């Protein structure tokens, strides 16, 4: 994140600023609104940095090890450790969002797989015919092997 001025406002006033920020985030209703708001408020580097932290938290929650996370997200173990510390000892906000994101990812994956099933589904009669053919072939081979064993 960028550095803040050493000439900061009084703590009481700063708390008002922060409260106003929380209110602003709470008022956002759609993904497009959130995207526009954060793009106007944050630099591209800050957005990438926050996105990486969120991905780290998600992967930690899913049980990935530090080396895998470091390679996939391209961050140092120190960064992973800081995010892990926030997950363990924070106020629970990251964990709440991560669980919701994982649930959303699973829903998207299921929807994708369902659409593939619909597009590329093999008709049931064809499956039945295939199984019947395999069974017939298997029985035929057994009969042949019995005949050959009797002839020996």
N, C-alpha and C. Protein backbone atom coordinates (compact mmCIF):
# COMPACT_ATOMS: atom_id res chain seq x y z
N UNK A 1 0.84 -1.17 0.00
CA UNK A 1 0.00 0.00 0.00
C UNK A 1 0.89 1.24 0.00
N UNK A 2 0.34 2.32 -0.45
CA UNK A 2 1.09 3.57 -0.44
C UNK A 2 1.19 4.09 0.98
N UNK A 3 2.17 4.93 1.19
CA UNK A 3 2.37 5.48 2.53
C UNK A 3 1.40 6.62 2.78
N UNK A 4 1.01 6.75 4.06
CA UNK A 4 0.13 7.87 4.41
C UNK A 4 0.96 9.00 4.99
N UNK A 5 0.40 10.16 4.96
CA UNK A 5 1.10 11.36 5.43
C UNK A 5 1.40 11.26 6.92
N UNK A 6 2.54 11.82 7.31
CA UNK A 6 2.88 11.88 8.73
C UNK A 6 1.99 12.88 9.45
N UNK A 7 1.39 13.78 8.69
CA UNK A 7 0.50 14.78 9.27
C UNK A 7 -0.93 14.25 9.25
N UNK A 8 -1.18 13.21 10.01
CA UNK A 8 -2.50 12.59 10.01
C UNK A 8 -3.50 13.36 10.84
N UNK A 9 -4.77 13.11 10.61
CA UNK A 9 -5.82 13.77 11.39
C UNK A 9 -5.86 13.22 12.82
N UNK A 10 -6.61 13.90 13.65
CA UNK A 10 -6.78 13.44 15.03
C UNK A 10 -7.41 12.04 15.01
N UNK A 11 -7.10 11.23 16.00
CA UNK A 11 -7.64 9.86 16.02
C UNK A 11 -9.17 9.80 15.91
N UNK A 12 -9.86 10.72 16.58
CA UNK A 12 -11.32 10.72 16.53
C UNK A 12 -11.81 10.98 15.10
N UNK A 13 -11.19 11.93 14.44
CA UNK A 13 -11.56 12.26 13.07
C UNK A 13 -11.22 11.10 12.13
N UNK A 14 -10.07 10.47 12.37
CA UNK A 14 -9.67 9.32 11.54
C UNK A 14 -10.69 8.20 11.67
N UNK A 15 -11.18 7.97 12.88
CA UNK A 15 -12.22 6.95 13.09
C UNK A 15 -13.48 7.27 12.30
N UNK A 16 -13.81 8.55 12.18
CA UNK A 16 -14.96 8.96 11.37
C UNK A 16 -14.70 8.65 9.90
N UNK A 17 -13.48 8.93 9.44
CA UNK A 17 -13.12 8.64 8.05
C UNK A 17 -13.26 7.14 7.76
N UNK A 18 -12.73 6.34 8.67
CA UNK A 18 -12.78 4.89 8.50
C UNK A 18 -14.23 4.40 8.53
N UNK A 19 -15.02 4.93 9.44
CA UNK A 19 -16.44 4.58 9.51
C UNK A 19 -17.16 4.92 8.21
N UNK A 20 -16.83 6.06 7.65
CA UNK A 20 -17.42 6.46 6.38
C UNK A 20 -17.01 5.51 5.25
N UNK A 21 -15.77 5.05 5.30
CA UNK A 21 -15.30 4.08 4.31
C UNK A 21 -16.09 2.78 4.42
N UNK A 22 -16.27 2.27 5.66
CA UNK A 22 -17.04 1.04 5.85
C UNK A 22 -18.47 1.21 5.34
N UNK A 23 -19.05 2.38 5.60
CA UNK A 23 -20.41 2.65 5.11
C UNK A 23 -20.45 2.62 3.58
N UNK A 24 -19.44 3.23 2.97
CA UNK A 24 -19.39 3.27 1.50
C UNK A 24 -19.33 1.87 0.92
N UNK A 25 -18.49 1.02 1.49
CA UNK A 25 -18.37 -0.35 1.01
C UNK A 25 -19.68 -1.10 1.21
N UNK A 26 -20.33 -0.88 2.34
CA UNK A 26 -21.59 -1.55 2.63
C UNK A 26 -22.69 -1.15 1.66
N UNK A 27 -22.65 0.07 1.16
CA UNK A 27 -23.69 0.56 0.25
C UNK A 27 -23.58 0.00 -1.16
N UNK A 28 -22.45 -0.60 -1.50
CA UNK A 28 -22.28 -1.17 -2.83
C UNK A 28 -23.11 -2.44 -2.96
N UNK A 29 -23.87 -2.54 -4.06
CA UNK A 29 -24.80 -3.65 -4.20
C UNK A 29 -24.42 -4.64 -5.30
N UNK A 30 -23.82 -4.17 -6.35
CA UNK A 30 -23.51 -5.03 -7.50
C UNK A 30 -22.01 -5.14 -7.69
N UNK A 31 -21.60 -6.21 -8.34
CA UNK A 31 -20.17 -6.43 -8.63
C UNK A 31 -19.59 -5.27 -9.43
N UNK A 32 -20.35 -4.76 -10.41
CA UNK A 32 -19.87 -3.64 -11.23
C UNK A 32 -19.65 -2.38 -10.38
N UNK A 33 -20.53 -2.16 -9.41
CA UNK A 33 -20.38 -1.01 -8.52
C UNK A 33 -19.11 -1.14 -7.69
N UNK A 34 -18.89 -2.33 -7.16
CA UNK A 34 -17.70 -2.57 -6.34
C UNK A 34 -16.45 -2.37 -7.19
N UNK A 35 -16.46 -2.93 -8.38
CA UNK A 35 -15.32 -2.81 -9.29
C UNK A 35 -15.02 -1.35 -9.61
N UNK A 36 -16.04 -0.60 -9.98
CA UNK A 36 -15.84 0.83 -10.31
C UNK A 36 -15.33 1.60 -9.11
N UNK A 37 -15.92 1.35 -7.96
CA UNK A 37 -15.52 2.05 -6.73
C UNK A 37 -14.06 1.80 -6.40
N UNK A 38 -13.67 0.52 -6.40
CA UNK A 38 -12.30 0.19 -6.02
C UNK A 38 -11.29 0.62 -7.08
N UNK A 39 -11.67 0.57 -8.35
CA UNK A 39 -10.76 1.06 -9.40
C UNK A 39 -10.54 2.56 -9.29
N UNK A 40 -11.57 3.28 -8.87
CA UNK A 40 -11.43 4.73 -8.68
C UNK A 40 -10.63 5.05 -7.42
N UNK A 41 -10.73 4.19 -6.42
CA UNK A 41 -10.12 4.47 -5.13
C UNK A 41 -8.69 3.96 -5.01
N UNK A 42 -8.42 2.79 -5.61
CA UNK A 42 -7.11 2.14 -5.46
C UNK A 42 -6.32 2.19 -6.77
N UNK A 43 -5.02 2.08 -6.63
CA UNK A 43 -4.17 1.98 -7.81
C UNK A 43 -4.22 0.54 -8.32
N UNK A 44 -3.85 0.31 -9.58
CA UNK A 44 -3.81 -1.07 -10.08
C UNK A 44 -2.90 -1.99 -9.25
N UNK A 45 -1.80 -1.45 -8.76
CA UNK A 45 -0.88 -2.24 -7.93
C UNK A 45 -1.56 -2.64 -6.62
N UNK A 46 -2.30 -1.72 -6.01
CA UNK A 46 -3.00 -2.02 -4.76
C UNK A 46 -4.08 -3.08 -4.99
N UNK A 47 -4.76 -3.01 -6.10
CA UNK A 47 -5.79 -4.01 -6.42
C UNK A 47 -5.14 -5.38 -6.59
N UNK A 48 -4.02 -5.44 -7.32
CA UNK A 48 -3.32 -6.72 -7.50
C UNK A 48 -2.83 -7.26 -6.16
N UNK A 49 -2.31 -6.37 -5.31
CA UNK A 49 -1.79 -6.79 -4.02
C UNK A 49 -2.91 -7.38 -3.15
N UNK A 50 -4.05 -6.70 -3.09
CA UNK A 50 -5.18 -7.20 -2.30
C UNK A 50 -5.71 -8.51 -2.88
N UNK A 51 -5.74 -8.60 -4.20
CA UNK A 51 -6.20 -9.83 -4.86
C UNK A 51 -5.29 -11.01 -4.52
N UNK A 52 -3.99 -10.77 -4.50
CA UNK A 52 -3.04 -11.83 -4.15
C UNK A 52 -3.25 -12.27 -2.70
N UNK A 53 -3.45 -11.32 -1.81
CA UNK A 53 -3.68 -11.68 -0.40
C UNK A 53 -4.93 -12.54 -0.26
N UNK A 54 -5.96 -12.18 -0.98
CA UNK A 54 -7.19 -12.96 -0.93
C UNK A 54 -6.97 -14.37 -1.47
N UNK A 55 -6.21 -14.49 -2.55
CA UNK A 55 -5.91 -15.81 -3.12
C UNK A 55 -5.08 -16.63 -2.15
N UNK A 56 -4.14 -15.99 -1.47
CA UNK A 56 -3.32 -16.69 -0.47
C UNK A 56 -4.23 -17.23 0.63
N UNK A 57 -5.12 -16.39 1.13
CA UNK A 57 -6.04 -16.81 2.19
C UNK A 57 -6.91 -17.97 1.73
N UNK A 58 -7.36 -17.90 0.51
CA UNK A 58 -8.21 -18.96 -0.05
C UNK A 58 -7.43 -20.28 -0.11
N UNK A 59 -6.21 -20.22 -0.60
CA UNK A 59 -5.40 -21.43 -0.72
C UNK A 59 -5.02 -21.99 0.65
N UNK A 60 -4.74 -21.12 1.61
CA UNK A 60 -4.46 -21.58 2.97
C UNK A 60 -5.68 -22.30 3.53
N UNK A 61 -6.84 -21.73 3.31
CA UNK A 61 -8.08 -22.32 3.80
C UNK A 61 -8.32 -23.69 3.17
N UNK A 62 -7.91 -23.86 1.92
CA UNK A 62 -8.08 -25.14 1.23
C UNK A 62 -6.98 -26.15 1.57
N UNK A 63 -5.99 -25.72 2.37
CA UNK A 63 -4.97 -26.65 2.84
C UNK A 63 -3.70 -26.73 2.02
N UNK A 64 -3.49 -25.79 1.12
CA UNK A 64 -2.26 -25.80 0.32
C UNK A 64 -1.07 -25.43 1.20
N UNK A 65 0.11 -25.98 0.87
CA UNK A 65 1.32 -25.66 1.62
C UNK A 65 1.95 -24.37 1.10
N UNK A 66 2.86 -23.81 1.90
CA UNK A 66 3.49 -22.53 1.57
C UNK A 66 4.19 -22.56 0.22
N UNK A 67 4.89 -23.65 -0.09
CA UNK A 67 5.65 -23.74 -1.34
C UNK A 67 4.72 -23.66 -2.54
N UNK A 68 3.63 -24.38 -2.49
CA UNK A 68 2.67 -24.37 -3.59
C UNK A 68 2.07 -22.98 -3.77
N UNK A 69 1.69 -22.36 -2.65
CA UNK A 69 1.11 -21.01 -2.71
C UNK A 69 2.13 -20.03 -3.26
N UNK A 70 3.36 -20.13 -2.77
CA UNK A 70 4.42 -19.23 -3.20
C UNK A 70 4.64 -19.32 -4.71
N UNK A 71 4.65 -20.54 -5.23
CA UNK A 71 4.86 -20.75 -6.66
C UNK A 71 3.66 -20.28 -7.48
N UNK A 72 2.46 -20.60 -7.03
CA UNK A 72 1.24 -20.29 -7.78
C UNK A 72 0.94 -18.79 -7.79
N UNK A 73 1.04 -18.15 -6.62
CA UNK A 73 0.68 -16.73 -6.50
C UNK A 73 1.89 -15.82 -6.74
N UNK A 74 3.08 -16.40 -6.64
CA UNK A 74 4.33 -15.66 -6.81
C UNK A 74 4.51 -14.61 -5.71
N UNK A 75 4.53 -15.12 -4.47
CA UNK A 75 4.74 -14.29 -3.29
C UNK A 75 5.77 -14.98 -2.40
N UNK A 76 6.29 -14.23 -1.44
CA UNK A 76 7.28 -14.79 -0.52
C UNK A 76 6.58 -15.50 0.64
N UNK A 77 7.29 -16.42 1.29
CA UNK A 77 6.72 -17.07 2.48
C UNK A 77 6.34 -16.07 3.58
N UNK A 78 7.05 -14.95 3.64
CA UNK A 78 6.73 -13.92 4.64
C UNK A 78 5.32 -13.37 4.41
N UNK A 79 4.98 -13.10 3.17
CA UNK A 79 3.65 -12.60 2.85
C UNK A 79 2.59 -13.65 3.20
N UNK A 80 2.88 -14.90 2.88
CA UNK A 80 1.94 -15.98 3.20
C UNK A 80 1.76 -16.07 4.71
N UNK A 81 2.85 -15.95 5.44
CA UNK A 81 2.81 -16.02 6.89
C UNK A 81 1.96 -14.90 7.48
N UNK A 82 2.08 -13.69 6.93
CA UNK A 82 1.28 -12.56 7.42
C UNK A 82 -0.21 -12.80 7.18
N UNK A 83 -0.54 -13.30 6.01
CA UNK A 83 -1.95 -13.59 5.70
C UNK A 83 -2.45 -14.71 6.61
N UNK A 84 -1.61 -15.73 6.81
CA UNK A 84 -1.99 -16.84 7.69
C UNK A 84 -2.24 -16.35 9.11
N UNK A 85 -1.41 -15.44 9.57
CA UNK A 85 -1.58 -14.86 10.90
C UNK A 85 -2.91 -14.11 11.00
N UNK A 86 -3.23 -13.35 9.95
CA UNK A 86 -4.50 -12.63 9.93
C UNK A 86 -5.69 -13.59 9.92
N UNK A 87 -5.53 -14.71 9.22
CA UNK A 87 -6.59 -15.71 9.20
C UNK A 87 -6.81 -16.31 10.58
N UNK A 88 -5.71 -16.62 11.24
CA UNK A 88 -5.80 -17.28 12.55
C UNK A 88 -6.22 -16.35 13.67
N UNK A 89 -5.67 -15.15 13.68
CA UNK A 89 -5.85 -14.27 14.84
C UNK A 89 -6.65 -13.01 14.53
N UNK A 90 -7.15 -12.89 13.32
CA UNK A 90 -7.93 -11.71 12.94
C UNK A 90 -9.35 -11.78 13.49
N UNK A 91 -10.18 -10.89 12.99
CA UNK A 91 -11.56 -10.81 13.49
C UNK A 91 -12.51 -11.75 12.76
N UNK A 92 -12.02 -12.55 11.83
CA UNK A 92 -12.85 -13.53 11.15
C UNK A 92 -13.43 -13.07 9.82
N UNK A 93 -13.15 -11.84 9.44
CA UNK A 93 -13.70 -11.31 8.19
C UNK A 93 -13.17 -12.01 6.96
N UNK A 94 -11.88 -12.28 6.93
CA UNK A 94 -11.28 -12.94 5.77
C UNK A 94 -11.83 -14.36 5.66
N UNK A 95 -11.89 -15.05 6.79
CA UNK A 95 -12.37 -16.44 6.78
C UNK A 95 -13.81 -16.52 6.28
N UNK A 96 -14.64 -15.58 6.70
CA UNK A 96 -16.03 -15.55 6.25
C UNK A 96 -16.13 -15.41 4.74
N UNK A 97 -15.38 -14.46 4.19
CA UNK A 97 -15.40 -14.22 2.75
C UNK A 97 -14.81 -15.41 1.99
N UNK A 98 -13.74 -15.98 2.51
CA UNK A 98 -13.09 -17.12 1.85
C UNK A 98 -14.06 -18.29 1.75
N UNK A 99 -14.77 -18.58 2.84
CA UNK A 99 -15.74 -19.68 2.80
C UNK A 99 -16.82 -19.42 1.75
N UNK A 100 -17.27 -18.17 1.66
CA UNK A 100 -18.28 -17.82 0.65
C UNK A 100 -17.72 -17.93 -0.76
N UNK A 101 -16.47 -17.51 -0.94
CA UNK A 101 -15.84 -17.61 -2.27
C UNK A 101 -15.66 -19.06 -2.70
N UNK A 102 -15.24 -19.89 -1.77
CA UNK A 102 -15.06 -21.31 -2.08
C UNK A 102 -16.40 -21.93 -2.46
N UNK A 103 -17.44 -21.59 -1.74
CA UNK A 103 -18.78 -22.08 -2.06
C UNK A 103 -19.20 -21.61 -3.45
N UNK A 104 -18.93 -20.34 -3.76
CA UNK A 104 -19.26 -19.79 -5.08
C UNK A 104 -18.47 -20.50 -6.18
N UNK A 105 -17.18 -20.74 -5.93
CA UNK A 105 -16.34 -21.46 -6.90
C UNK A 105 -16.90 -22.85 -7.17
N UNK A 106 -17.32 -23.54 -6.12
CA UNK A 106 -17.87 -24.89 -6.29
C UNK A 106 -19.18 -24.85 -7.09
N UNK A 107 -20.01 -23.85 -6.81
CA UNK A 107 -21.26 -23.72 -7.57
C UNK A 107 -20.97 -23.47 -9.04
N UNK A 108 -20.00 -22.61 -9.32
CA UNK A 108 -19.62 -22.33 -10.71
C UNK A 108 -19.09 -23.59 -11.38
N UNK A 109 -18.26 -24.35 -10.66
CA UNK A 109 -17.70 -25.59 -11.21
C UNK A 109 -18.80 -26.60 -11.51
N UNK A 110 -19.74 -26.74 -10.57
CA UNK A 110 -20.86 -27.67 -10.79
C UNK A 110 -21.71 -27.24 -11.98
N UNK A 111 -21.94 -25.94 -12.10
CA UNK A 111 -22.73 -25.42 -13.22
C UNK A 111 -22.01 -25.70 -14.54
N UNK A 112 -20.69 -25.50 -14.55
CA UNK A 112 -19.88 -25.76 -15.74
C UNK A 112 -19.95 -27.24 -16.11
N UNK A 113 -19.75 -28.11 -15.12
CA UNK A 113 -19.79 -29.55 -15.39
C UNK A 113 -21.17 -29.98 -15.86
N UNK A 114 -22.20 -29.38 -15.29
CA UNK A 114 -23.57 -29.70 -15.70
C UNK A 114 -23.81 -29.29 -17.15
N UNK A 115 -23.28 -28.13 -17.54
CA UNK A 115 -23.45 -27.69 -18.92
C UNK A 115 -22.69 -28.61 -19.88
N UNK A 116 -21.53 -29.11 -19.44
CA UNK A 116 -20.79 -30.07 -20.27
C UNK A 116 -21.58 -31.36 -20.42
N UNK A 117 -22.17 -31.82 -19.31
CA UNK A 117 -22.97 -33.04 -19.36
C UNK A 117 -24.11 -32.90 -20.35
N UNK A 118 -24.76 -31.74 -20.34
CA UNK A 118 -25.89 -31.52 -21.24
C UNK A 118 -25.44 -31.48 -22.70
N UNK A 119 -24.29 -30.86 -22.95
CA UNK A 119 -23.80 -30.74 -24.32
C UNK A 119 -23.27 -32.05 -24.88
N UNK A 120 -22.57 -32.79 -24.03
CA UNK A 120 -21.85 -33.97 -24.53
C UNK A 120 -22.38 -35.27 -23.94
N UNK A 121 -23.61 -35.28 -23.50
CA UNK A 121 -24.19 -36.47 -22.90
C UNK A 121 -24.36 -37.55 -23.96
N UNK A 122 -23.98 -38.77 -23.59
CA UNK A 122 -24.17 -39.91 -24.48
C UNK A 122 -25.59 -40.42 -24.22
N UNK A 123 -26.39 -40.57 -25.26
CA UNK A 123 -27.77 -41.03 -25.06
C UNK A 123 -27.81 -42.37 -24.34
N UNK A 124 -28.77 -42.54 -23.46
CA UNK A 124 -28.90 -43.76 -22.66
C UNK A 124 -28.99 -45.02 -23.52
N UNK A 125 -29.80 -45.03 -24.60
CA UNK A 125 -29.84 -46.27 -25.41
C UNK A 125 -28.47 -46.67 -25.94
N UNK A 126 -27.64 -45.70 -26.27
CA UNK A 126 -26.31 -46.01 -26.77
C UNK A 126 -25.46 -46.65 -25.67
N UNK A 127 -25.59 -46.13 -24.45
CA UNK A 127 -24.86 -46.71 -23.33
C UNK A 127 -25.33 -48.15 -23.11
N UNK A 128 -26.66 -48.36 -23.16
CA UNK A 128 -27.21 -49.70 -22.98
C UNK A 128 -26.72 -50.65 -24.05
N UNK A 129 -26.69 -50.18 -25.31
CA UNK A 129 -26.20 -51.01 -26.41
C UNK A 129 -24.73 -51.36 -26.23
N UNK A 130 -23.95 -50.38 -25.77
CA UNK A 130 -22.52 -50.61 -25.54
C UNK A 130 -22.33 -51.67 -24.47
N UNK A 131 -23.07 -51.54 -23.37
CA UNK A 131 -22.95 -52.51 -22.29
C UNK A 131 -23.39 -53.90 -22.76
N UNK A 132 -24.46 -53.94 -23.55
CA UNK A 132 -24.94 -55.22 -24.07
C UNK A 132 -23.89 -55.85 -24.97
N UNK A 133 -23.24 -55.04 -25.80
CA UNK A 133 -22.19 -55.53 -26.69
C UNK A 133 -21.01 -56.07 -25.91
N UNK A 134 -20.64 -55.38 -24.86
CA UNK A 134 -19.52 -55.84 -24.02
C UNK A 134 -19.88 -57.15 -23.35
N UNK A 135 -21.10 -57.23 -22.82
CA UNK A 135 -21.54 -58.48 -22.17
C UNK A 135 -21.57 -59.64 -23.17
N UNK A 136 -22.10 -59.39 -24.37
CA UNK A 136 -22.16 -60.42 -25.41
C UNK A 136 -20.77 -60.91 -25.78
N UNK A 137 -19.85 -59.94 -25.97
CA UNK A 137 -18.47 -60.29 -26.32
C UNK A 137 -17.83 -61.11 -25.22
N UNK A 138 -18.06 -60.71 -23.98
CA UNK A 138 -17.49 -61.44 -22.85
C UNK A 138 -18.00 -62.87 -22.79
N UNK A 139 -19.31 -63.06 -23.00
CA UNK A 139 -19.89 -64.41 -22.99
C UNK A 139 -19.34 -65.25 -24.13
N UNK A 140 -19.20 -64.63 -25.30
CA UNK A 140 -18.67 -65.35 -26.47
C UNK A 140 -17.24 -65.81 -26.20
N UNK A 141 -16.43 -64.95 -25.63
CA UNK A 141 -15.05 -65.32 -25.32
C UNK A 141 -15.00 -66.45 -24.31
N UNK A 142 -15.89 -66.43 -23.32
CA UNK A 142 -15.92 -67.50 -22.33
C UNK A 142 -16.27 -68.83 -22.98
N UNK A 143 -17.26 -68.81 -23.88
CA UNK A 143 -17.65 -70.05 -24.58
C UNK A 143 -16.49 -70.60 -25.39
N UNK A 144 -15.80 -69.71 -26.10
CA UNK A 144 -14.66 -70.16 -26.92
C UNK A 144 -13.58 -70.77 -26.05
N UNK A 145 -13.30 -70.11 -24.92
CA UNK A 145 -12.23 -70.63 -24.06
C UNK A 145 -12.64 -71.98 -23.47
N UNK A 146 -13.94 -72.17 -23.18
CA UNK A 146 -14.40 -73.47 -22.68
C UNK A 146 -14.22 -74.54 -23.75
N UNK A 147 -14.60 -74.22 -25.00
CA UNK A 147 -14.47 -75.18 -26.10
C UNK A 147 -13.01 -75.56 -26.30
N UNK A 148 -12.13 -74.55 -26.26
CA UNK A 148 -10.70 -74.83 -26.46
C UNK A 148 -10.16 -75.68 -25.33
N UNK A 149 -10.62 -75.44 -24.11
CA UNK A 149 -10.11 -76.22 -22.99
C UNK A 149 -10.63 -77.66 -23.05
N UNK A 150 -11.83 -77.86 -23.61
CA UNK A 150 -12.37 -79.22 -23.75
C UNK A 150 -11.64 -80.00 -24.83
N UNK A 151 -11.22 -79.29 -25.88
CA UNK A 151 -10.54 -79.96 -26.99
C UNK A 151 -9.12 -80.38 -26.63
N UNK A 152 -8.57 -79.82 -25.61
CA UNK A 152 -7.19 -80.14 -25.24
C UNK A 152 -7.06 -81.46 -24.59
